[in-house]
Amino acid sequence: MNTLYVVGTPIGNLEDITLRALRILKSVRLIAAEDTRKTRVLLDRYAIRTPLTSYFEHNKLAKLDTVLGALGEGDVALVSDAGMPGLSDPGYELVRAALARGAPVTVVPGVSAAVSALVVSGLPTDQFVFGGFLPRKGGERRAALEALAGERRTLVFYEAPHRVVETLADMRAVLGERPVCAARELTKLHEETVRGTAGEVLAHFTASEPRGEFTLVVGGAPEADSRWDEAAVRARLLALLGDGLPGAEAARQVARESGWARRDVYAQMTSLRDDE
């Protein structure tokens, strides 16, 4: 039975590819690539002449029969533009379809931007949650962050450069002033890793236009003993509201200062108003 190889490729530096990956890419009958132009750059670097076919987000279902047909005649490799196929990239449906046909599926490990950013972030690496790309719309993005506000493990996200500032602002508002590492263009010429609180990293990319592909690593929810207790949260809310700060801004500020999720601060503010 012919094999589908899920092959990890470099996320930037073309030297970050394994000898096994090069051997497999040379030997398979067909390479299914997210972007054939980008994959061709890698193949040309290593003088690999294996035929390519496109397999990307908007044709992945239509192309299943083509790729599976090739798999019926020989081994096939699946690659994405960068990193591991199927990880926030096309691949999941093809792997399932191959398994359903009884074809062996084998991974050829490679670089992952999520893991690479995590290990250089300086944040806990023993447990983490990979959130992929957050929703593009602000309301949906904030709701997704709210759902993770109590998560104690380190959080890892991918983000496009034109949404980085908005996403960091939402992270600060919803999750508070947690430690954040923003890693961009990892392994490339202009690699940059910015570490600090959510506000500090936000200020950096507000002043300096974000460019390139980003991975955002965020500290998990703080330990219970490092968070304010309920009385402290309510007292701070009363003080800010007494100073004339609007309710929404007061809740955001208390969330940043206290380590509480913003939704929980809102609940306390609602309780205060009910008491009044």
Foldseek 3Di string as FASTA:
>chain_A
DAEEEFEAAAQADRVFHDPVSLVVLQPWQEEAEQDVVLVVVSCVVVVRDHHYDYQFDPCPVVCLVVQVVSSVVHYYYYYYSHGTDPQLTDDPVNVVVCVVVVHHYHYHHGDDPQVVCVVPQPADDPDEDEPEAADPDLVRNLVVVLVQLQPQHKYKYKDAQVCVLVNLVSCCQFNAFWWKWKWFPPPHPPTDIDIDTSVVVSVVCVVPRGDHIIMMITGGQDDPVQFDDLVVLLVQLVVCVVVVDDNSVSLSVSCNVGSHGSVVSVVSVVVVVVVD
